[in-house]
Every structure is written in C-alpha cells, then in structure tokens.
Amino acid sequence: MHQSSYDKMTDFVHKYLQQMSDKPLIILDLGSQDINGTYKPLFSLPAWKYIGLDMAEGKNVDIVIRDPYSWKDIRSDYADVLISGQTFEHIEYFWLTMKEISRVLKPGGLCCIIAPSGGIEHRYPTDCWRIYPDGFRALAKYAGLEPLEIFTQWENRDYPDGSDIWHDSVLICRKPEKKGIVESLLGIRMEKIIRT
C-alpha cells in the first residue's frame, strides 16, 4: 500500500464515518491482504467490525472470495461500509465486482474505492486498468449507487514513497435507501406522466 492511498482512505474515514464512531458498523475491505500495509488501523474502533476480503489466503484476510463476481459467503444488504484500495486495476471485469459491492451494501451504506489513474504496470497477478473520474461515475451508475464524491489527485504532493506516480482516483458513493411499494408505484406513474 502506498501513502497517498492511505491518506485518501484516512480522509474518507474523517469526513464520512467519524460521526458514527460509536455506532456498530460492519466494514468490508475488498483486497485486504497486507502487502506493505493495510487500512485496518483506520477501522479499529470498538464498535466497528472490520472484515478483510481477498482472492487468496494471507495476512489480514478473513474471508477468501473464490469468485470476484459472485460472493457466495456474503449475504445481501450485509455491510454498512465497503472499502477497496489498489484492487480494481487488478480485476478483469471490475464492473461485475461493483454489482456485488452494491448487493452486499445495506441501503444507505457507503463505499470508498481508490484506484490508480496512472503509474507503472504492477501485475498481481494481472494489471488491467487505470480509472478516471468519468469511469468511476459510470461505474457507480451501472451499479445503482449514488456518487457523493469523485476525484483524481492530478497534482503531485511530493510523497516520500513516490506514490504520486499513481495519481489515485477516488469514488465515494452510497447505496440508495429502498423505496416502499407505494413510493415505487408513484415513481413509475410520475415517469409515465412526464413522458406524455
């Protein structure tokens, strides 16, 4: 893990989760294996339950996901928060993974994904993608999530570990609250009225 990514996740915690520090939250970390560091210390409050997810067993992995596009071990509407950093560039079809993220988040649940927009090839075991803000916007739309904040660190900040090369992009989004049957029907009816 590089410092620029850790700093961005720290900012997410302070801005979006600090006011919930005493609430029991289930936090899933996709791509959690400890390779030169982990986000786990940011989520170590007594009320919070941090669960590491990865494709292989290893340090800081609680659940091994055998299929990145179908998480059979995690039920729908389970997590309050899902985080992921430096993982999406290694997933061949990350948009399918995003559908699983949407599925496992509770209504109102938050998601923070950090992925590079630049940098050198770093296969683990593959390196498929770089993501820009428009890509993250499209991804959130595809998965039915509401974007709260999307940006890329375009400017260099002189990180001592050289992590400016990644120019991280960040997506912070929320799963919409479920509508009741009456609200859903009214929404469909209003859509028909607007079209006519």
N, C-alpha and C. Protein backbone atom coordinates (compact mmCIF):
# COMPACT_ATOMS: atom_id res chain seq x y z
N MET A 1 0.85 -1.17 0.00
CA MET A 1 0.00 0.00 0.00
C MET A 1 0.89 1.23 0.00
N HIS A 2 0.51 2.22 -0.76
CA HIS A 2 1.29 3.45 -0.79
C HIS A 2 0.63 4.54 0.05
N GLN A 3 1.43 5.51 0.46
CA GLN A 3 1.00 6.54 1.40
C GLN A 3 -0.14 7.39 0.86
N SER A 4 -0.12 7.70 -0.44
CA SER A 4 -1.18 8.56 -0.98
C SER A 4 -2.55 7.88 -0.86
N SER A 5 -2.58 6.57 -1.02
CA SER A 5 -3.82 5.82 -0.87
C SER A 5 -4.29 5.81 0.59
N TYR A 6 -3.36 5.56 1.49
CA TYR A 6 -3.70 5.54 2.92
C TYR A 6 -4.25 6.90 3.36
N ASP A 7 -3.64 7.98 2.87
CA ASP A 7 -4.11 9.32 3.22
C ASP A 7 -5.53 9.57 2.72
N LYS A 8 -5.84 9.09 1.52
CA LYS A 8 -7.18 9.29 0.97
C LYS A 8 -8.22 8.49 1.76
N MET A 9 -7.87 7.27 2.19
CA MET A 9 -8.80 6.49 3.00
C MET A 9 -8.97 7.14 4.37
N THR A 10 -7.90 7.71 4.91
CA THR A 10 -7.99 8.43 6.19
C THR A 10 -8.96 9.60 6.06
N ASP A 11 -8.87 10.33 4.96
CA ASP A 11 -9.79 11.45 4.72
C ASP A 11 -11.24 10.97 4.65
N PHE A 12 -11.46 9.82 3.98
CA PHE A 12 -12.81 9.25 3.90
C PHE A 12 -13.35 8.95 5.29
N VAL A 13 -12.55 8.32 6.13
CA VAL A 13 -12.98 7.98 7.49
C VAL A 13 -13.34 9.24 8.26
N HIS A 14 -12.50 10.26 8.20
CA HIS A 14 -12.76 11.50 8.95
C HIS A 14 -14.01 12.21 8.44
N LYS A 15 -14.18 12.26 7.14
CA LYS A 15 -15.29 13.02 6.57
C LYS A 15 -16.64 12.30 6.65
N TYR A 16 -16.63 10.98 6.46
CA TYR A 16 -17.90 10.25 6.33
C TYR A 16 -18.23 9.33 7.50
N LEU A 17 -17.25 8.92 8.29
CA LEU A 17 -17.52 7.92 9.34
C LEU A 17 -17.26 8.42 10.75
N GLN A 18 -16.55 9.50 10.91
CA GLN A 18 -16.17 9.95 12.25
C GLN A 18 -17.39 10.16 13.15
N GLN A 19 -18.48 10.69 12.59
CA GLN A 19 -19.68 10.93 13.38
C GLN A 19 -20.39 9.63 13.76
N MET A 20 -19.94 8.49 13.20
CA MET A 20 -20.53 7.19 13.53
C MET A 20 -19.55 6.32 14.32
N SER A 21 -18.61 6.95 15.02
CA SER A 21 -17.56 6.19 15.71
C SER A 21 -18.09 5.30 16.82
N ASP A 22 -19.27 5.62 17.37
CA ASP A 22 -19.83 4.79 18.44
C ASP A 22 -20.94 3.87 17.95
N LYS A 23 -21.21 3.88 16.65
CA LYS A 23 -22.27 3.03 16.09
C LYS A 23 -21.67 1.70 15.62
N PRO A 24 -22.39 0.61 15.79
CA PRO A 24 -21.87 -0.68 15.32
C PRO A 24 -21.92 -0.75 13.79
N LEU A 25 -20.77 -0.71 13.15
CA LEU A 25 -20.68 -0.77 11.70
C LEU A 25 -19.95 -2.04 11.27
N ILE A 26 -20.44 -2.65 10.20
CA ILE A 26 -19.73 -3.75 9.57
C ILE A 26 -19.01 -3.16 8.36
N ILE A 27 -17.69 -3.31 8.34
CA ILE A 27 -16.85 -2.73 7.30
C ILE A 27 -16.14 -3.84 6.55
N LEU A 28 -16.40 -3.95 5.25
CA LEU A 28 -15.72 -4.92 4.41
C LEU A 28 -14.61 -4.22 3.64
N ASP A 29 -13.43 -4.85 3.63
CA ASP A 29 -12.28 -4.31 2.90
C ASP A 29 -11.95 -5.29 1.77
N LEU A 30 -12.27 -4.92 0.54
CA LEU A 30 -12.02 -5.77 -0.62
C LEU A 30 -10.59 -5.57 -1.11
N GLY A 31 -9.82 -6.67 -1.13
CA GLY A 31 -8.41 -6.59 -1.47
C GLY A 31 -7.59 -6.28 -0.23
N SER A 32 -7.93 -6.93 0.87
CA SER A 32 -7.41 -6.57 2.20
C SER A 32 -6.03 -7.15 2.53
N GLN A 33 -5.56 -8.10 1.74
CA GLN A 33 -4.30 -8.76 2.10
C GLN A 33 -3.21 -7.72 2.38
N ASP A 34 -2.50 -7.93 3.46
CA ASP A 34 -1.46 -7.00 3.90
C ASP A 34 -0.22 -7.15 3.03
N ILE A 35 -0.12 -6.28 2.04
CA ILE A 35 1.06 -6.20 1.18
C ILE A 35 1.60 -4.79 1.35
N ASN A 36 2.61 -4.66 2.16
CA ASN A 36 3.19 -3.35 2.50
C ASN A 36 2.18 -2.44 3.20
N GLY A 37 1.31 -3.01 4.01
CA GLY A 37 0.38 -2.21 4.79
C GLY A 37 -1.07 -2.52 4.51
N THR A 38 -1.93 -1.99 5.36
CA THR A 38 -3.37 -2.24 5.28
C THR A 38 -4.13 -1.05 5.86
N TYR A 39 -5.39 -0.94 5.50
CA TYR A 39 -6.26 0.11 6.03
C TYR A 39 -6.82 -0.24 7.42
N LYS A 40 -6.63 -1.45 7.87
CA LYS A 40 -7.27 -1.94 9.09
C LYS A 40 -7.14 -1.00 10.30
N PRO A 41 -5.97 -0.39 10.55
CA PRO A 41 -5.88 0.51 11.71
C PRO A 41 -6.89 1.67 11.69
N LEU A 42 -7.31 2.08 10.51
CA LEU A 42 -8.28 3.17 10.40
C LEU A 42 -9.67 2.76 10.89
N PHE A 43 -9.92 1.45 10.96
CA PHE A 43 -11.26 0.94 11.28
C PHE A 43 -11.26 0.10 12.55
N SER A 44 -10.36 0.40 13.48
CA SER A 44 -10.19 -0.45 14.66
C SER A 44 -10.93 0.06 15.89
N LEU A 45 -12.01 0.79 15.71
CA LEU A 45 -12.78 1.27 16.85
C LEU A 45 -13.57 0.12 17.46
N PRO A 46 -13.84 0.16 18.77
CA PRO A 46 -14.53 -0.94 19.44
C PRO A 46 -15.90 -1.29 18.86
N ALA A 47 -16.64 -0.28 18.38
CA ALA A 47 -17.99 -0.54 17.86
C ALA A 47 -17.98 -1.08 16.44
N TRP A 48 -16.86 -0.99 15.76
CA TRP A 48 -16.79 -1.38 14.35
C TRP A 48 -16.24 -2.79 14.18
N LYS A 49 -16.81 -3.51 13.22
CA LYS A 49 -16.33 -4.85 12.88
C LYS A 49 -15.72 -4.80 11.47
N TYR A 50 -14.41 -4.93 11.40
CA TYR A 50 -13.67 -4.90 10.14
C TYR A 50 -13.48 -6.33 9.65
N ILE A 51 -13.80 -6.58 8.37
CA ILE A 51 -13.66 -7.90 7.77
C ILE A 51 -12.88 -7.76 6.47
N GLY A 52 -11.75 -8.45 6.39
CA GLY A 52 -10.91 -8.39 5.20
C GLY A 52 -11.31 -9.45 4.19
N LEU A 53 -11.48 -9.03 2.92
CA LEU A 53 -11.84 -9.93 1.83
C LEU A 53 -10.72 -9.93 0.79
N ASP A 54 -10.39 -11.11 0.29
CA ASP A 54 -9.39 -11.18 -0.78
C ASP A 54 -9.58 -12.48 -1.53
N MET A 55 -8.86 -12.60 -2.65
CA MET A 55 -8.95 -13.79 -3.50
C MET A 55 -8.05 -14.93 -3.02
N ALA A 56 -7.15 -14.65 -2.09
CA ALA A 56 -6.23 -15.67 -1.59
C ALA A 56 -6.05 -15.51 -0.10
N GLU A 57 -5.75 -16.60 0.56
CA GLU A 57 -5.47 -16.54 1.99
C GLU A 57 -4.21 -15.72 2.22
N GLY A 58 -4.15 -15.09 3.37
CA GLY A 58 -2.97 -14.30 3.70
C GLY A 58 -3.23 -13.44 4.92
N LYS A 59 -2.21 -12.69 5.30
CA LYS A 59 -2.31 -11.80 6.44
C LYS A 59 -3.39 -10.76 6.19
N ASN A 60 -4.27 -10.58 7.17
CA ASN A 60 -5.37 -9.61 7.13
C ASN A 60 -6.52 -10.03 6.20
N VAL A 61 -6.64 -11.32 5.90
CA VAL A 61 -7.75 -11.83 5.09
C VAL A 61 -8.63 -12.69 5.98
N ASP A 62 -9.89 -12.27 6.14
CA ASP A 62 -10.84 -13.02 6.96
C ASP A 62 -11.72 -13.94 6.12
N ILE A 63 -12.08 -13.49 4.92
CA ILE A 63 -12.91 -14.28 4.00
C ILE A 63 -12.21 -14.34 2.65
N VAL A 64 -12.01 -15.54 2.16
CA VAL A 64 -11.45 -15.72 0.82
C VAL A 64 -12.60 -15.81 -0.16
N ILE A 65 -12.61 -14.88 -1.11
CA ILE A 65 -13.64 -14.87 -2.15
C ILE A 65 -13.09 -15.64 -3.34
N ARG A 66 -13.70 -16.74 -3.67
CA ARG A 66 -13.20 -17.58 -4.76
C ARG A 66 -13.55 -17.02 -6.14
N ASP A 67 -14.68 -16.32 -6.21
CA ASP A 67 -15.14 -15.75 -7.48
C ASP A 67 -15.34 -14.25 -7.27
N PRO A 68 -14.55 -13.38 -7.91
CA PRO A 68 -14.68 -11.95 -7.68
C PRO A 68 -16.01 -11.36 -8.14
N TYR A 69 -16.79 -12.16 -8.86
CA TYR A 69 -18.05 -11.66 -9.41
C TYR A 69 -19.28 -12.29 -8.75
N SER A 70 -19.06 -13.16 -7.77
CA SER A 70 -20.16 -13.79 -7.04
C SER A 70 -19.67 -14.17 -5.65
N TRP A 71 -20.00 -13.33 -4.68
CA TRP A 71 -19.52 -13.52 -3.30
C TRP A 71 -20.52 -14.36 -2.53
N LYS A 72 -20.42 -15.65 -2.65
CA LYS A 72 -21.40 -16.57 -2.06
C LYS A 72 -21.39 -16.56 -0.53
N ASP A 73 -20.27 -16.16 0.07
CA ASP A 73 -20.16 -16.17 1.54
C ASP A 73 -20.71 -14.91 2.20
N ILE A 74 -21.20 -13.96 1.41
CA ILE A 74 -21.67 -12.70 1.98
C ILE A 74 -23.10 -12.45 1.50
N ARG A 75 -24.00 -12.32 2.46
CA ARG A 75 -25.41 -12.12 2.10
C ARG A 75 -25.67 -10.69 1.65
N SER A 76 -26.77 -10.50 0.97
CA SER A 76 -27.18 -9.18 0.50
C SER A 76 -27.50 -8.27 1.68
N ASP A 77 -27.32 -6.95 1.47
CA ASP A 77 -27.63 -5.93 2.48
C ASP A 77 -26.93 -6.22 3.81
N TYR A 78 -25.67 -6.60 3.77
CA TYR A 78 -24.92 -7.02 4.96
C TYR A 78 -24.05 -5.91 5.55
N ALA A 79 -23.33 -5.18 4.71
CA ALA A 79 -22.30 -4.27 5.20
C ALA A 79 -22.78 -2.82 5.25
N ASP A 80 -22.29 -2.11 6.25
CA ASP A 80 -22.55 -0.67 6.35
C ASP A 80 -21.59 0.12 5.48
N VAL A 81 -20.37 -0.41 5.35
CA VAL A 81 -19.32 0.27 4.60
C VAL A 81 -18.52 -0.77 3.83
N LEU A 82 -18.16 -0.45 2.60
CA LEU A 82 -17.23 -1.28 1.85
C LEU A 82 -16.12 -0.37 1.33
N ILE A 83 -14.87 -0.78 1.60
CA ILE A 83 -13.73 -0.02 1.13
C ILE A 83 -12.88 -0.91 0.23
N SER A 84 -12.13 -0.29 -0.66
CA SER A 84 -11.21 -1.03 -1.52
C SER A 84 -10.17 -0.06 -2.05
N GLY A 85 -8.92 -0.44 -1.94
CA GLY A 85 -7.85 0.38 -2.47
C GLY A 85 -6.83 -0.45 -3.21
N GLN A 86 -6.43 0.02 -4.36
CA GLN A 86 -5.43 -0.64 -5.19
C GLN A 86 -5.82 -2.08 -5.50
N THR A 87 -7.07 -2.27 -5.82
CA THR A 87 -7.59 -3.60 -6.16
C THR A 87 -8.24 -3.61 -7.53
N PHE A 88 -9.01 -2.57 -7.84
CA PHE A 88 -9.81 -2.58 -9.07
C PHE A 88 -8.98 -2.70 -10.34
N GLU A 89 -7.77 -2.17 -10.34
CA GLU A 89 -6.94 -2.28 -11.54
C GLU A 89 -6.51 -3.72 -11.82
N HIS A 90 -6.64 -4.59 -10.81
CA HIS A 90 -6.24 -5.99 -10.94
C HIS A 90 -7.42 -6.92 -11.25
N ILE A 91 -8.64 -6.39 -11.28
CA ILE A 91 -9.83 -7.20 -11.54
C ILE A 91 -10.22 -7.07 -13.00
N GLU A 92 -10.26 -8.18 -13.72
CA GLU A 92 -10.51 -8.13 -15.16
C GLU A 92 -11.83 -7.45 -15.51
N TYR A 93 -12.90 -7.82 -14.81
CA TYR A 93 -14.23 -7.28 -15.10
C TYR A 93 -14.76 -6.58 -13.84
N PHE A 94 -14.13 -5.49 -13.48
CA PHE A 94 -14.42 -4.84 -12.20
C PHE A 94 -15.85 -4.32 -12.10
N TRP A 95 -16.51 -4.10 -13.23
CA TRP A 95 -17.90 -3.63 -13.19
C TRP A 95 -18.81 -4.72 -12.63
N LEU A 96 -18.47 -6.00 -12.86
CA LEU A 96 -19.25 -7.09 -12.26
C LEU A 96 -19.02 -7.15 -10.75
N THR A 97 -17.79 -6.89 -10.35
CA THR A 97 -17.48 -6.82 -8.92
C THR A 97 -18.25 -5.67 -8.28
N MET A 98 -18.40 -4.57 -9.00
CA MET A 98 -19.14 -3.42 -8.46
C MET A 98 -20.60 -3.77 -8.20
N LYS A 99 -21.16 -4.64 -9.02
CA LYS A 99 -22.54 -5.10 -8.78
C LYS A 99 -22.62 -5.88 -7.47
N GLU A 100 -21.59 -6.68 -7.17
CA GLU A 100 -21.56 -7.42 -5.90
C GLU A 100 -21.42 -6.45 -4.72
N ILE A 101 -20.61 -5.42 -4.89
CA ILE A 101 -20.48 -4.41 -3.84
C ILE A 101 -21.84 -3.79 -3.55
N SER A 102 -22.56 -3.42 -4.59
CA SER A 102 -23.88 -2.84 -4.42
C SER A 102 -24.82 -3.83 -3.72
N ARG A 103 -24.73 -5.08 -4.08
CA ARG A 103 -25.60 -6.11 -3.49
C ARG A 103 -25.36 -6.26 -1.99
N VAL A 104 -24.09 -6.29 -1.57
CA VAL A 104 -23.80 -6.58 -0.15
C VAL A 104 -23.93 -5.35 0.75
N LEU A 105 -23.94 -4.16 0.17
CA LEU A 105 -24.13 -2.96 0.99
C LEU A 105 -25.57 -2.85 1.47
N LYS A 106 -25.73 -2.44 2.71
CA LYS A 106 -27.07 -2.14 3.22
C LYS A 106 -27.59 -0.88 2.53
N PRO A 107 -28.91 -0.72 2.42
CA PRO A 107 -29.43 0.56 1.94
C PRO A 107 -28.90 1.69 2.82
N GLY A 108 -28.38 2.71 2.18
CA GLY A 108 -27.74 3.80 2.91
C GLY A 108 -26.26 3.56 3.18
N GLY A 109 -25.77 2.36 2.84
CA GLY A 109 -24.37 2.02 3.08
C GLY A 109 -23.42 2.81 2.19
N LEU A 110 -22.21 2.99 2.69
CA LEU A 110 -21.20 3.79 2.00
C LEU A 110 -20.11 2.91 1.39
N CYS A 111 -19.54 3.41 0.31
CA CYS A 111 -18.47 2.71 -0.40
C CYS A 111 -17.38 3.71 -0.73
N CYS A 112 -16.11 3.30 -0.52
CA CYS A 112 -14.98 4.13 -0.92
C CYS A 112 -14.00 3.25 -1.69
N ILE A 113 -13.78 3.59 -2.95
CA ILE A 113 -12.87 2.83 -3.80
C ILE A 113 -11.76 3.76 -4.28
N ILE A 114 -10.53 3.29 -4.15
CA ILE A 114 -9.37 4.05 -4.61
C ILE A 114 -8.64 3.20 -5.64
N ALA A 115 -8.36 3.78 -6.80
CA ALA A 115 -7.66 3.06 -7.86
C ALA A 115 -6.77 4.05 -8.61
N PRO A 116 -5.67 3.57 -9.18
CA PRO A 116 -4.77 4.49 -9.88
C PRO A 116 -5.34 4.97 -11.21
N SER A 117 -4.95 6.20 -11.57
CA SER A 117 -5.24 6.70 -12.91
C SER A 117 -3.97 6.70 -13.75
N GLY A 118 -2.84 6.36 -13.14
CA GLY A 118 -1.56 6.33 -13.84
C GLY A 118 -0.61 5.35 -13.17
N GLY A 119 0.68 5.50 -13.47
CA GLY A 119 1.68 4.66 -12.83
C GLY A 119 2.13 3.50 -13.70
N ILE A 120 3.12 2.81 -13.20
CA ILE A 120 3.73 1.70 -13.93
C ILE A 120 2.88 0.44 -13.83
N GLU A 121 3.11 -0.49 -14.75
CA GLU A 121 2.43 -1.78 -14.68
C GLU A 121 2.91 -2.52 -13.44
N HIS A 122 1.95 -3.07 -12.69
CA HIS A 122 2.28 -3.85 -11.49
C HIS A 122 1.31 -5.02 -11.42
N ARG A 123 1.69 -6.09 -12.05
CA ARG A 123 0.81 -7.26 -12.18
C ARG A 123 0.72 -8.00 -10.85
N TYR A 124 -0.53 -8.26 -10.43
CA TYR A 124 -0.75 -9.01 -9.18
C TYR A 124 -2.07 -9.76 -9.25
N PRO A 125 -2.32 -10.80 -9.96
CA PRO A 125 -1.40 -11.35 -10.96
C PRO A 125 -1.53 -10.63 -12.31
N THR A 126 -2.56 -9.79 -12.46
CA THR A 126 -2.73 -9.02 -13.68
C THR A 126 -2.81 -7.53 -13.33
N ASP A 127 -2.64 -6.68 -14.30
CA ASP A 127 -2.81 -5.24 -14.13
C ASP A 127 -3.55 -4.76 -15.38
N CYS A 128 -4.86 -4.58 -15.26
CA CYS A 128 -5.72 -4.38 -16.42
C CYS A 128 -6.15 -2.94 -16.68
N TRP A 129 -6.24 -2.10 -15.65
CA TRP A 129 -6.96 -0.85 -15.81
C TRP A 129 -6.32 0.32 -15.08
N ARG A 130 -6.66 1.53 -15.56
CA ARG A 130 -6.48 2.79 -14.85
C ARG A 130 -7.84 3.49 -14.94
N ILE A 131 -8.21 4.21 -13.89
CA ILE A 131 -9.58 4.75 -13.83
C ILE A 131 -9.54 6.26 -13.61
N TYR A 132 -10.37 6.97 -14.39
CA TYR A 132 -10.53 8.42 -14.28
C TYR A 132 -11.88 8.72 -13.62
N PRO A 133 -12.13 9.97 -13.24
CA PRO A 133 -13.41 10.30 -12.62
C PRO A 133 -14.64 9.90 -13.44
N ASP A 134 -14.61 10.10 -14.75
CA ASP A 134 -15.77 9.70 -15.56
C ASP A 134 -15.99 8.20 -15.52
N GLY A 135 -14.91 7.44 -15.44
CA GLY A 135 -15.03 5.99 -15.32
C GLY A 135 -15.70 5.60 -14.01
N PHE A 136 -15.30 6.24 -12.92
CA PHE A 136 -15.93 5.95 -11.63
C PHE A 136 -17.39 6.39 -11.62
N ARG A 137 -17.68 7.51 -12.27
CA ARG A 137 -19.08 7.99 -12.35
C ARG A 137 -19.95 6.96 -13.08
N ALA A 138 -19.43 6.45 -14.20
CA ALA A 138 -20.15 5.44 -14.97
C ALA A 138 -20.31 4.16 -14.17
N LEU A 139 -19.29 3.80 -13.43
CA LEU A 139 -19.32 2.58 -12.62
C LEU A 139 -20.39 2.66 -11.53
N ALA A 140 -20.46 3.80 -10.85
CA ALA A 140 -21.49 3.98 -9.82
C ALA A 140 -22.88 3.89 -10.43
N LYS A 141 -23.06 4.53 -11.58
CA LYS A 141 -24.36 4.50 -12.27
C LYS A 141 -24.74 3.07 -12.65
N TYR A 142 -23.78 2.33 -13.19
CA TYR A 142 -24.02 0.94 -13.59
C TYR A 142 -24.47 0.08 -12.41
N ALA A 143 -23.89 0.33 -11.24
CA ALA A 143 -24.20 -0.48 -10.06
C ALA A 143 -25.37 0.06 -9.26
N GLY A 144 -25.97 1.17 -9.69
CA GLY A 144 -27.12 1.73 -8.99
C GLY A 144 -26.74 2.41 -7.69
N LEU A 145 -25.53 2.98 -7.63
CA LEU A 145 -25.08 3.68 -6.43
C LEU A 145 -25.06 5.19 -6.68
N GLU A 146 -25.28 5.94 -5.62
CA GLU A 146 -25.34 7.40 -5.70
C GLU A 146 -23.96 7.98 -5.41
N PRO A 147 -23.31 8.61 -6.39
CA PRO A 147 -21.99 9.21 -6.15
C PRO A 147 -22.09 10.39 -5.17
N LEU A 148 -21.20 10.41 -4.20
CA LEU A 148 -21.12 11.52 -3.26
C LEU A 148 -19.90 12.39 -3.56
N GLU A 149 -18.83 11.74 -4.00
CA GLU A 149 -17.58 12.45 -4.28
C GLU A 149 -16.76 11.60 -5.25
N ILE A 150 -16.23 12.24 -6.28
CA ILE A 150 -15.38 11.56 -7.26
C ILE A 150 -14.26 12.53 -7.65
N PHE A 151 -13.02 12.08 -7.54
CA PHE A 151 -11.92 12.96 -7.92
C PHE A 151 -10.66 12.14 -8.19
N THR A 152 -9.71 12.80 -8.84
CA THR A 152 -8.38 12.25 -9.07
C THR A 152 -7.36 13.23 -8.53
N GLN A 153 -6.35 12.71 -7.87
CA GLN A 153 -5.24 13.54 -7.40
C GLN A 153 -4.30 13.78 -8.58
N TRP A 154 -4.56 14.83 -9.33
CA TRP A 154 -3.75 15.12 -10.52
C TRP A 154 -2.41 15.74 -10.16
N GLU A 155 -2.39 16.55 -9.09
CA GLU A 155 -1.16 17.26 -8.73
C GLU A 155 -0.25 16.37 -7.88
N ASN A 156 1.04 16.59 -7.99
CA ASN A 156 2.00 15.87 -7.14
C ASN A 156 2.04 16.51 -5.77
N ARG A 157 2.21 15.67 -4.74
CA ARG A 157 2.27 16.15 -3.36
C ARG A 157 3.60 15.79 -2.70
N ASP A 158 4.54 15.34 -3.49
CA ASP A 158 5.88 15.01 -3.00
C ASP A 158 5.88 13.95 -1.90
N TYR A 159 5.15 12.87 -2.13
CA TYR A 159 5.16 11.76 -1.18
C TYR A 159 6.55 11.12 -1.16
N PRO A 160 7.11 10.91 0.03
CA PRO A 160 8.45 10.32 0.13
C PRO A 160 8.55 8.92 -0.48
N ASP A 161 7.43 8.18 -0.49
CA ASP A 161 7.47 6.81 -1.04
C ASP A 161 7.26 6.79 -2.57
N GLY A 162 7.15 7.96 -3.19
CA GLY A 162 6.99 8.04 -4.64
C GLY A 162 5.58 7.76 -5.13
N SER A 163 4.61 7.75 -4.22
CA SER A 163 3.25 7.34 -4.61
C SER A 163 2.48 8.37 -5.43
N ASP A 164 3.10 9.53 -5.70
CA ASP A 164 2.47 10.48 -6.61
C ASP A 164 2.28 9.89 -8.01
N ILE A 165 3.10 8.90 -8.38
CA ILE A 165 3.01 8.35 -9.75
C ILE A 165 1.66 7.73 -10.04
N TRP A 166 0.94 7.32 -9.00
CA TRP A 166 -0.34 6.63 -9.21
C TRP A 166 -1.46 7.58 -9.54
N HIS A 167 -1.38 8.84 -9.10
CA HIS A 167 -2.47 9.80 -9.31
C HIS A 167 -3.82 9.13 -9.04
N ASP A 168 -3.96 8.71 -7.79
CA ASP A 168 -5.15 7.96 -7.38
C ASP A 168 -6.45 8.65 -7.73
N SER A 169 -7.40 7.85 -8.20
CA SER A 169 -8.79 8.29 -8.36
C SER A 169 -9.59 7.72 -7.20
N VAL A 170 -10.60 8.47 -6.77
CA VAL A 170 -11.40 8.07 -5.61
C VAL A 170 -12.88 8.16 -5.97
N LEU A 171 -13.62 7.12 -5.60
CA LEU A 171 -15.08 7.10 -5.70
C LEU A 171 -15.65 6.88 -4.32
N ILE A 172 -16.48 7.81 -3.88
CA ILE A 172 -17.23 7.64 -2.64
C ILE A 172 -18.70 7.70 -3.03
N CYS A 173 -19.43 6.64 -2.69
CA CYS A 173 -20.84 6.58 -3.09
C CYS A 173 -21.67 5.92 -2.01
N ARG A 174 -22.98 6.00 -2.19
CA ARG A 174 -23.93 5.46 -1.22
C ARG A 174 -24.97 4.61 -1.95
N LYS A 175 -25.35 3.53 -1.30
CA LYS A 175 -26.46 2.73 -1.83
C LYS A 175 -27.77 3.41 -1.44
N PRO A 176 -28.63 3.69 -2.41
CA PRO A 176 -29.89 4.38 -2.09
C PRO A 176 -30.74 3.56 -1.11
N GLU A 177 -31.52 4.28 -0.33
CA GLU A 177 -32.48 3.64 0.56
C GLU A 177 -33.53 2.94 -0.30
N LYS A 178 -34.04 1.83 0.20
CA LYS A 178 -35.08 1.12 -0.55
C LYS A 178 -36.39 1.89 -0.47
N LYS A 179 -37.07 1.94 -1.60
CA LYS A 179 -38.38 2.59 -1.64
C LYS A 179 -39.45 1.57 -1.27
N GLY A 180 -40.48 2.06 -0.62
CA GLY A 180 -41.62 1.22 -0.34
C GLY A 180 -42.42 0.99 -1.61
N ILE A 181 -43.36 0.07 -1.59
CA ILE A 181 -44.15 -0.27 -2.77
C ILE A 181 -44.94 0.94 -3.28
N VAL A 182 -45.48 1.74 -2.37
CA VAL A 182 -46.26 2.91 -2.78
C VAL A 182 -45.35 3.93 -3.47
N GLU A 183 -44.16 4.18 -2.86
CA GLU A 183 -43.22 5.14 -3.47
C GLU A 183 -42.77 4.66 -4.84
N SER A 184 -42.53 3.35 -4.97
CA SER A 184 -42.11 2.80 -6.26
C SER A 184 -43.19 2.99 -7.31
N LEU A 185 -44.43 2.68 -6.95
CA LEU A 185 -45.54 2.82 -7.89
C LEU A 185 -45.76 4.28 -8.27
N LEU A 186 -45.66 5.18 -7.28
CA LEU A 186 -45.80 6.60 -7.58
C LEU A 186 -44.69 7.08 -8.51
N GLY A 187 -43.48 6.58 -8.30
CA GLY A 187 -42.36 6.94 -9.16
C GLY A 187 -42.58 6.50 -10.59
N ILE A 188 -43.09 5.29 -10.78
CA ILE A 188 -43.38 4.77 -12.12
C ILE A 188 -44.49 5.60 -12.76
N ARG A 189 -45.54 5.93 -11.98
CA ARG A 189 -46.66 6.70 -12.52
C ARG A 189 -46.20 8.10 -12.93
N MET A 190 -45.35 8.74 -12.08
CA MET A 190 -44.85 10.09 -12.40
C MET A 190 -43.98 10.04 -13.66
N GLU A 191 -43.21 8.98 -13.82
CA GLU A 191 -42.36 8.86 -15.00
C GLU A 191 -43.22 8.78 -16.26
N LYS A 192 -44.33 8.04 -16.19
CA LYS A 192 -45.24 7.94 -17.35
C LYS A 192 -45.88 9.29 -17.66
N ILE A 193 -46.25 10.04 -16.63
CA ILE A 193 -46.87 11.34 -16.82
C ILE A 193 -45.89 12.29 -17.47
N ILE A 194 -44.64 12.28 -17.02
CA ILE A 194 -43.62 13.17 -17.57
C ILE A 194 -43.36 12.87 -19.03
N ARG A 195 -43.36 11.59 -19.40
CA ARG A 195 -43.08 11.20 -20.78
C ARG A 195 -44.19 11.60 -21.73
N THR A 196 -45.44 11.69 -21.24
CA THR A 196 -46.56 12.00 -22.13
C THR A 196 -46.82 13.47 -22.28
